[in-house]
Amino acid sequence: MDFTRRTLMLTALALFYSASVMLHAQSSSGVLGYWQEPGGSVLHIASCGDAVCATLAKISKSAPVSTDRNNPDSTLRDKPLCGLVIGTGFHLEGMDKAENGKLYDPKSGKTYQGTMRSEGDVLHLRGYIGMKAFGRSEDWTRTTAPDICAGQP
């Protein structure tokens, strides 16, 4: 094999390796993926059209209820929590940050403005009304995909 052909082949292999490392890094970093909240439930954050949404993928066995009983719309109070979309309208500001979304809290039945930012395997969420300074933060931990709503109503 001549020098030029060998150089081209090594360059192509290096580019392929770099691309595969970058794809792996993107799939295991950033706000997208599966996250476990402090109570043990798992949420899936994924692209939903032009935005990002968060869906309850697995409800903790210690959750006090399995339906959306605190929903302000009484016709939705029997809806199962598992599969419920609780985050909508987030816009990615790079892979590690999503802004200007809405977060629904099924524990209170209230909806808040929200932001999310990932640092490695920790997702920092901030829900607030009006100003970010007046809100509540929560940290979630990256996890693997669960058996989605398996064995849950």
C-alpha atoms as a PDB file:
ATOM      1  CA  MET A   1       0.000   0.000   0.000  1.00  0.00           C
ATOM      2  CA  ASP A   2       1.479   3.347  -0.968  1.00  0.00           C
ATOM      3  CA  PHE A   3       1.902   6.233   1.488  1.00  0.00           C
ATOM      4  CA  THR A   4      -1.008   8.360   0.159  1.00  0.00           C
ATOM      5  CA  ARG A   5      -3.512   5.531   0.228  1.00  0.00           C
ATOM      6  CA  ARG A   6      -2.399   4.505   3.708  1.00  0.00           C
ATOM      7  CA  THR A   7      -2.671   8.117   4.944  1.00  0.00           C
ATOM      8  CA  LEU A   8      -6.190   8.418   3.497  1.00  0.00           C
ATOM      9  CA  MET A   9      -7.261   5.161   5.132  1.00  0.00           C
ATOM     10  CA  LEU A  10      -5.869   6.205   8.536  1.00  0.00           C
ATOM     11  CA  THR A  11      -7.525   9.615   8.225  1.00  0.00           C
ATOM     12  CA  ALA A  12     -10.866   8.003   7.376  1.00  0.00           C
ATOM     13  CA  LEU A  13     -10.565   5.650  10.371  1.00  0.00           C
ATOM     14  CA  ALA A  14      -9.716   8.568  12.661  1.00  0.00           C
ATOM     15  CA  LEU A  15     -12.730  10.544  11.412  1.00  0.00           C
ATOM     16  CA  PHE A  16     -15.012   7.533  11.854  1.00  0.00           C
ATOM     17  CA  TYR A  17     -13.739   7.008  15.405  1.00  0.00           C
ATOM     18  CA  SER A  18     -14.184  10.715  16.258  1.00  0.00           C
ATOM     19  CA  ALA A  19     -17.731  10.727  14.889  1.00  0.00           C
ATOM     20  CA  SER A  20     -18.703   7.611  16.841  1.00  0.00           C
ATOM     21  CA  VAL A  21     -17.249   9.051  20.075  1.00  0.00           C
ATOM     22  CA  MET A  22     -19.180  12.292  19.525  1.00  0.00           C
ATOM     23  CA  LEU A  23     -22.431  10.424  18.867  1.00  0.00           C
ATOM     24  CA  HIS A  24     -21.961   8.347  22.015  1.00  0.00           C
ATOM     25  CA  ALA A  25     -21.211  11.474  24.048  1.00  0.00           C
ATOM     26  CA  GLN A  26     -24.354  13.174  22.728  1.00  0.00           C
ATOM     27  CA  SER A  27     -26.524  10.165  23.526  1.00  0.00           C
ATOM     28  CA  SER A  28     -25.263   9.992  27.111  1.00  0.00           C
ATOM     29  CA  SER A  29     -25.045  13.689  27.877  1.00  0.00           C
ATOM     30  CA  GLY A  30     -27.214  16.731  27.730  1.00  0.00           C
ATOM     31  CA  VAL A  31     -30.755  17.140  28.961  1.00  0.00           C
ATOM     32  CA  LEU A  32     -32.222  14.429  26.724  1.00  0.00           C
ATOM     33  CA  GLY A  33     -32.574  10.940  28.154  1.00  0.00           C
ATOM     34  CA  TYR A  34     -34.012   9.162  31.182  1.00  0.00           C
ATOM     35  CA  TRP A  35     -33.863  10.801  34.591  1.00  0.00           C
ATOM     36  CA  GLN A  36     -34.846   9.619  38.056  1.00  0.00           C
ATOM     37  CA  GLU A  37     -36.381  12.203  40.356  1.00  0.00           C
ATOM     38  CA  PRO A  38     -35.738  12.085  44.129  1.00  0.00           C
ATOM     39  CA  GLY A  39     -38.954  10.142  44.836  1.00  0.00           C
ATOM     40  CA  GLY A  40     -37.878   7.324  42.504  1.00  0.00           C
ATOM     41  CA  SER A  41     -40.076   7.954  39.469  1.00  0.00           C
ATOM     42  CA  VAL A  42     -38.382   8.020  36.054  1.00  0.00           C
ATOM     43  CA  LEU A  43     -38.974  10.663  33.403  1.00  0.00           C
ATOM     44  CA  HIS A  44     -38.062  10.611  29.737  1.00  0.00           C
ATOM     45  CA  ILE A  45     -36.911  13.917  28.270  1.00  0.00           C
ATOM     46  CA  ALA A  46     -37.018  13.867  24.484  1.00  0.00           C
ATOM     47  CA  SER A  47     -37.586  15.988  21.404  1.00  0.00           C
ATOM     48  CA  CYS A  48     -41.242  16.665  20.685  1.00  0.00           C
ATOM     49  CA  GLY A  49     -41.372  18.394  17.336  1.00  0.00           C
ATOM     50  CA  ASP A  50     -39.447  21.658  17.595  1.00  0.00           C
ATOM     51  CA  ALA A  51     -39.400  21.554  21.393  1.00  0.00           C
ATOM     52  CA  VAL A  52     -38.429  19.245  24.249  1.00  0.00           C
ATOM     53  CA  CYS A  53     -40.904  17.534  26.556  1.00  0.00           C
ATOM     54  CA  ALA A  54     -40.769  15.415  29.714  1.00  0.00           C
ATOM     55  CA  THR A  55     -42.964  12.342  30.156  1.00  0.00           C
ATOM     56  CA  LEU A  56     -43.408  10.171  33.251  1.00  0.00           C
ATOM     57  CA  ALA A  57     -42.045   6.805  32.122  1.00  0.00           C
ATOM     58  CA  LYS A  58     -42.224   4.929  35.425  1.00  0.00           C
ATOM     59  CA  ILE A  59     -43.926   5.790  38.686  1.00  0.00           C
ATOM     60  CA  SER A  60     -42.166   4.993  41.939  1.00  0.00           C
ATOM     61  CA  LYS A  61     -43.674   2.135  43.936  1.00  0.00           C
ATOM     62  CA  SER A  62     -43.727   4.513  46.904  1.00  0.00           C
ATOM     63  CA  ALA A  63     -45.842   7.113  45.058  1.00  0.00           C
ATOM     64  CA  PRO A  64     -49.007   7.771  47.083  1.00  0.00           C
ATOM     65  CA  VAL A  65     -51.278   7.738  44.008  1.00  0.00           C
ATOM     66  CA  SER A  66     -51.186   6.459  40.446  1.00  0.00           C
ATOM     67  CA  THR A  67     -53.648   8.919  38.903  1.00  0.00           C
ATOM     68  CA  ASP A  68     -53.554  12.668  38.319  1.00  0.00           C
ATOM     69  CA  ARG A  69     -55.947  13.309  41.223  1.00  0.00           C
ATOM     70  CA  ASN A  70     -54.819  16.918  41.799  1.00  0.00           C
ATOM     71  CA  ASN A  71     -55.397  18.061  38.214  1.00  0.00           C
ATOM     72  CA  PRO A  72     -57.355  21.335  38.174  1.00  0.00           C
ATOM     73  CA  ASP A  73     -59.496  19.844  35.376  1.00  0.00           C
ATOM     74  CA  SER A  74     -61.750  17.383  37.226  1.00  0.00           C
ATOM     75  CA  THR A  75     -62.302  15.348  34.024  1.00  0.00           C
ATOM     76  CA  LEU A  76     -58.570  14.427  34.017  1.00  0.00           C
ATOM     77  CA  ARG A  77     -58.253  13.296  37.640  1.00  0.00           C
ATOM     78  CA  ASP A  78     -58.621   9.592  36.784  1.00  0.00           C
ATOM     79  CA  LYS A  79     -55.891   9.757  34.121  1.00  0.00           C
ATOM     80  CA  PRO A  80     -52.874   7.544  34.968  1.00  0.00           C
ATOM     81  CA  LEU A  81     -49.696   9.364  35.950  1.00  0.00           C
ATOM     82  CA  CYS A  82     -47.554   6.925  34.004  1.00  0.00           C
ATOM     83  CA  GLY A  83     -47.257   8.293  30.477  1.00  0.00           C
ATOM     84  CA  LEU A  84     -48.336  11.777  31.555  1.00  0.00           C
ATOM     85  CA  VAL A  85     -46.474  14.623  29.856  1.00  0.00           C
ATOM     86  CA  ILE A  86     -45.364  16.970  32.649  1.00  0.00           C
ATOM     87  CA  GLY A  87     -42.902  19.161  30.734  1.00  0.00           C
ATOM     88  CA  THR A  88     -43.705  20.964  27.490  1.00  0.00           C
ATOM     89  CA  GLY A  89     -42.375  23.705  25.241  1.00  0.00           C
ATOM     90  CA  PHE A  90     -38.738  23.626  26.317  1.00  0.00           C
ATOM     91  CA  HIS A  91     -36.258  24.955  23.772  1.00  0.00           C
ATOM     92  CA  LEU A  92     -32.713  23.624  23.656  1.00  0.00           C
ATOM     93  CA  GLU A  93     -29.983  26.184  24.220  1.00  0.00           C
ATOM     94  CA  GLY A  94     -27.212  23.726  23.361  1.00  0.00           C
ATOM     95  CA  MET A  95     -27.258  20.086  24.450  1.00  0.00           C
ATOM     96  CA  ASP A  96     -26.964  20.867  28.173  1.00  0.00           C
ATOM     97  CA  LYS A  97     -29.656  23.499  28.647  1.00  0.00           C
ATOM     98  CA  ALA A  98     -33.360  23.870  27.894  1.00  0.00           C
ATOM     99  CA  GLU A  99     -35.329  27.053  28.620  1.00  0.00           C
ATOM    100  CA  ASN A 100     -38.783  28.609  28.515  1.00  0.00           C
ATOM    101  CA  GLY A 101     -40.786  25.462  29.138  1.00  0.00           C
ATOM    102  CA  LYS A 102     -43.741  24.602  31.321  1.00  0.00           C
ATOM    103  CA  LEU A 103     -43.549  22.086  34.175  1.00  0.00           C
ATOM    104  CA  TYR A 104     -46.700  20.478  35.568  1.00  0.00           C
ATOM    105  CA  ASP A 105     -46.466  19.224  39.145  1.00  0.00           C
ATOM    106  CA  PRO A 106     -48.977  16.387  39.624  1.00  0.00           C
ATOM    107  CA  LYS A 107     -48.442  16.555  43.407  1.00  0.00           C
ATOM    108  CA  SER A 108     -49.972  20.040  43.540  1.00  0.00           C
ATOM    109  CA  GLY A 109     -51.819  20.239  40.218  1.00  0.00           C
ATOM    110  CA  LYS A 110     -49.989  23.477  39.405  1.00  0.00           C
ATOM    111  CA  THR A 111     -48.025  24.437  36.301  1.00  0.00           C
ATOM    112  CA  TYR A 112     -44.845  26.494  36.453  1.00  0.00           C
ATOM    113  CA  GLN A 113     -42.405  28.063  34.031  1.00  0.00           C
ATOM    114  CA  GLY A 114     -39.251  25.985  33.904  1.00  0.00           C
ATOM    115  CA  THR A 115     -35.654  25.535  32.935  1.00  0.00           C
ATOM    116  CA  MET A 116     -33.364  22.516  32.933  1.00  0.00           C
ATOM    117  CA  ARG A 117     -29.609  22.217  32.811  1.00  0.00           C
ATOM    118  CA  SER A 118     -27.493  19.076  32.844  1.00  0.00           C
ATOM    119  CA  GLU A 119     -24.074  18.641  34.398  1.00  0.00           C
ATOM    120  CA  GLY A 120     -22.900  15.143  33.611  1.00  0.00           C
ATOM    121  CA  ASP A 121     -25.369  12.735  35.194  1.00  0.00           C
ATOM    122  CA  VAL A 122     -27.279  15.392  37.149  1.00  0.00           C
ATOM    123  CA  LEU A 123     -30.187  17.391  35.746  1.00  0.00           C
ATOM    124  CA  HIS A 124     -30.976  20.642  37.540  1.00  0.00           C
ATOM    125  CA  LEU A 125     -34.621  21.681  37.149  1.00  0.00           C
ATOM    126  CA  ARG A 126     -36.025  25.023  38.191  1.00  0.00           C
ATOM    127  CA  GLY A 127     -39.755  25.677  38.351  1.00  0.00           C
ATOM    128  CA  TYR A 128     -40.965  29.191  39.004  1.00  0.00           C
ATOM    129  CA  ILE A 129     -43.771  31.710  38.604  1.00  0.00           C
ATOM    130  CA  GLY A 130     -42.743  35.024  37.092  1.00  0.00           C
ATOM    131  CA  MET A 131     -39.088  35.316  38.111  1.00  0.00           C
ATOM    132  CA  LYS A 132     -36.570  32.486  38.398  1.00  0.00           C
ATOM    133  CA  ALA A 133     -35.596  33.793  41.833  1.00  0.00           C
ATOM    134  CA  PHE A 134     -39.031  32.844  43.149  1.00  0.00           C
ATOM    135  CA  GLY A 135     -39.238  29.141  42.564  1.00  0.00           C
ATOM    136  CA  ARG A 136     -38.044  25.717  43.525  1.00  0.00           C
ATOM    137  CA  SER A 137     -35.159  23.627  42.253  1.00  0.00           C
ATOM    138  CA  GLU A 138     -34.793  19.887  42.102  1.00  0.00           C
ATOM    139  CA  ASP A 139     -31.965  17.631  40.941  1.00  0.00           C
ATOM    140  CA  TRP A 140     -32.597  14.440  38.997  1.00  0.00           C
ATOM    141  CA  THR A 141     -30.100  11.666  38.278  1.00  0.00           C
ATOM    142  CA  ARG A 142     -29.475  10.092  34.868  1.00  0.00           C
ATOM    143  CA  THR A 143     -30.676   6.510  34.668  1.00  0.00           C
ATOM    144  CA  THR A 144     -31.318   3.825  32.087  1.00  0.00           C
ATOM    145  CA  ALA A 145     -34.559   3.319  30.214  1.00  0.00           C
ATOM    146  CA  PRO A 146     -37.053   1.486  32.443  1.00  0.00           C
ATOM    147  CA  ASP A 147     -39.738  -0.930  31.387  1.00  0.00           C
ATOM    148  CA  ILE A 148     -42.071   1.897  30.450  1.00  0.00           C
ATOM    149  CA  CYS A 149     -45.106   1.851  32.736  1.00  0.00           C
ATOM    150  CA  ALA A 150     -44.641  -1.897  33.225  1.00  0.00           C
ATOM    151  CA  GLY A 151     -47.049  -3.306  35.796  1.00  0.00           C
ATOM    152  CA  GLN A 152     -48.594   0.091  36.452  1.00  0.00           C
ATOM    153  CA  PRO A 153     -52.187   1.152  35.907  1.00  0.00           C
END
